[in-house]
Amino acid sequence: MAPNNPIDEFIAGYPRETQTLLRQLHSTIKRAVPNAEEVISYGIPTFNLNGRHLVYFSAFKNHIGFYPTSSGIEAYKKEVSKYKWAKGSVQFPLDKPLPLGLVAKIVKFRVKEILEAKKGERDFELVETG
């Protein structure tokens, strides 16, 4: 299968077992926010919404890293606590099934957060004076 976007190209660089997990994560995020822009940022797959970073993910020797920012972790701290986590990240072990339901919930939370922030922004018009 030839990669057709930067995230597919990123995933193709990993061993088959890791690719499977990364594709599951990628498709779960896409289903949760189909209109997000998919890019590589900071060298890892990133989903953007309304010009803001929504979530990131990557793979390492022993885990999949999922980065929903600190607010995404804080909102689901209880569910995330069974994994190794930090302020803005969580590590899912490669030898366990990914918690795709939890990932989808966190992504939807981040979408809501970004959309609400967008509503709070005001459009300002520049007015020349004197």
Protein backbone atom coordinates (compact mmCIF):
# COMPACT_ATOMS: atom_id res chain seq x y z
CA MET A 1 0.00 0.00 0.00
CA ALA A 2 1.53 3.30 -1.08
CA PRO A 3 1.29 6.08 1.50
CA ASN A 4 -0.99 8.91 0.39
CA ASN A 5 -0.53 11.49 3.13
CA PRO A 6 2.21 12.50 5.56
CA ILE A 7 0.75 10.45 8.41
CA ASP A 8 0.56 7.32 6.26
CA GLU A 9 4.20 7.88 5.30
CA PHE A 10 5.13 8.23 8.99
CA ILE A 11 3.32 5.01 9.92
CA ALA A 12 4.96 3.09 7.05
CA GLY A 13 8.36 3.56 8.70
CA TYR A 14 7.54 1.29 11.66
CA PRO A 15 7.48 -2.50 12.10
CA ARG A 16 4.26 -4.21 10.99
CA GLU A 17 2.90 -4.76 14.53
CA THR A 18 3.45 -1.12 15.44
CA GLN A 19 1.94 0.01 12.12
CA THR A 20 -1.23 -1.88 13.01
CA LEU A 21 -1.55 0.00 16.31
CA LEU A 22 -0.72 3.34 14.72
CA ARG A 23 -3.34 2.78 11.99
CA GLN A 24 -5.94 1.91 14.64
CA LEU A 25 -5.14 5.11 16.51
CA HIS A 26 -5.09 7.16 13.31
CA SER A 27 -8.47 5.87 12.12
CA THR A 28 -10.04 6.34 15.56
CA ILE A 29 -8.97 9.99 15.59
CA LYS A 30 -10.17 10.48 11.99
CA ARG A 31 -13.60 9.05 12.84
CA ALA A 32 -13.88 11.34 15.86
CA VAL A 33 -12.95 14.45 13.87
CA PRO A 34 -13.18 13.79 10.11
CA ASN A 35 -12.75 17.45 9.16
CA ALA A 36 -9.40 17.88 10.95
CA GLU A 37 -6.28 18.69 8.99
CA GLU A 38 -3.63 15.93 9.11
CA VAL A 39 -0.02 17.12 9.21
CA ILE A 40 3.37 16.28 10.62
CA SER A 41 4.31 18.77 13.35
CA TYR A 42 7.27 18.47 15.70
CA GLY A 43 8.17 15.43 13.59
CA ILE A 44 5.06 13.43 14.55
CA PRO A 45 1.49 12.96 13.26
CA THR A 46 -0.73 15.84 14.27
CA PHE A 47 -4.39 16.65 13.83
CA ASN A 48 -5.26 20.35 13.60
CA LEU A 49 -8.66 21.99 13.92
CA ASN A 50 -9.39 25.66 13.28
CA GLY A 51 -5.67 26.34 13.06
CA ARG A 52 -4.92 24.78 16.45
CA HIS A 53 -3.22 21.53 17.37
CA LEU A 54 -5.86 19.05 18.49
CA VAL A 55 -3.85 15.89 19.27
CA TYR A 56 -0.55 14.27 18.30
CA PHE A 57 0.70 10.69 18.39
CA SER A 58 3.88 8.71 17.80
CA ALA A 59 5.50 5.33 18.40
CA PHE A 60 8.50 4.31 20.46
CA LYS A 61 10.30 1.09 21.31
CA ASN A 62 7.79 -0.01 23.98
CA HIS A 63 4.78 2.26 23.64
CA ILE A 64 2.51 4.46 21.55
CA GLY A 65 2.61 8.07 22.72
CA PHE A 66 -0.67 10.00 22.58
CA TYR A 67 -0.52 13.75 23.18
CA PRO A 68 -3.93 15.41 23.71
CA THR A 69 -2.44 18.42 25.54
CA SER A 70 -2.70 18.93 29.27
CA SER A 71 -6.43 19.69 29.19
CA GLY A 72 -7.19 16.35 27.49
CA ILE A 73 -5.21 14.48 30.12
CA GLU A 74 -6.75 16.43 33.00
CA ALA A 75 -10.32 15.83 31.76
CA TYR A 76 -9.76 12.05 31.70
CA LYS A 77 -7.20 11.76 34.48
CA LYS A 78 -8.96 8.84 36.17
CA GLU A 79 -9.09 6.75 32.96
CA VAL A 80 -5.54 7.71 31.97
CA SER A 81 -4.13 6.90 35.42
CA LYS A 82 -3.81 3.18 34.60
CA TYR A 83 -1.12 4.09 32.06
CA LYS A 84 2.16 5.92 32.34
CA TRP A 85 1.23 9.56 31.81
CA ALA A 86 2.46 13.12 32.21
CA LYS A 87 0.89 16.57 32.02
CA GLY A 88 0.09 16.42 28.29
CA SER A 89 0.77 12.83 27.29
CA VAL A 90 -0.05 9.20 27.89
CA GLN A 91 1.88 6.05 26.95
CA PHE A 92 0.00 3.00 25.70
CA PRO A 93 2.13 -0.19 25.87
CA LEU A 94 2.75 -1.93 22.55
CA ASP A 95 1.86 -5.32 24.02
CA LYS A 96 -1.69 -4.34 25.06
CA PRO A 97 -4.76 -3.35 23.03
CA LEU A 98 -5.13 0.40 22.56
CA PRO A 99 -7.97 1.99 24.57
CA LEU A 100 -9.60 3.34 21.41
CA GLY A 101 -12.83 4.29 23.17
CA LEU A 102 -10.88 6.45 25.59
CA VAL A 103 -8.90 8.01 22.73
CA ALA A 104 -12.15 8.88 20.93
CA LYS A 105 -13.58 10.49 24.09
CA ILE A 106 -10.45 12.57 24.62
CA VAL A 107 -10.40 13.68 20.97
CA LYS A 108 -14.07 14.71 21.12
CA PHE A 109 -13.35 16.63 24.33
CA ARG A 110 -10.51 18.48 22.59
CA VAL A 111 -12.75 19.23 19.58
CA LYS A 112 -15.37 20.75 21.88
CA GLU A 113 -12.69 22.72 23.70
CA ILE A 114 -11.29 24.18 20.47
CA LEU A 115 -14.73 24.98 19.05
CA GLU A 116 -15.76 26.73 22.27
CA ALA A 117 -12.54 28.74 22.27
CA LYS A 118 -13.24 29.74 18.66
CA LYS A 119 -16.71 31.01 19.67
CA GLY A 120 -15.11 33.13 22.37
CA GLU A 121 -12.80 34.89 19.93
CA ARG A 122 -13.94 38.20 18.56
CA ASP A 123 -13.32 39.51 15.11
CA PHE A 124 -11.81 42.95 15.35
CA GLU A 125 -11.92 45.46 12.59
CA LEU A 126 -9.03 47.85 12.21
CA VAL A 127 -10.23 51.44 12.26
CA GLU A 128 -7.94 54.25 11.27
CA THR A 129 -8.03 57.26 13.50
CA GLY A 130 -6.90 60.77 12.99
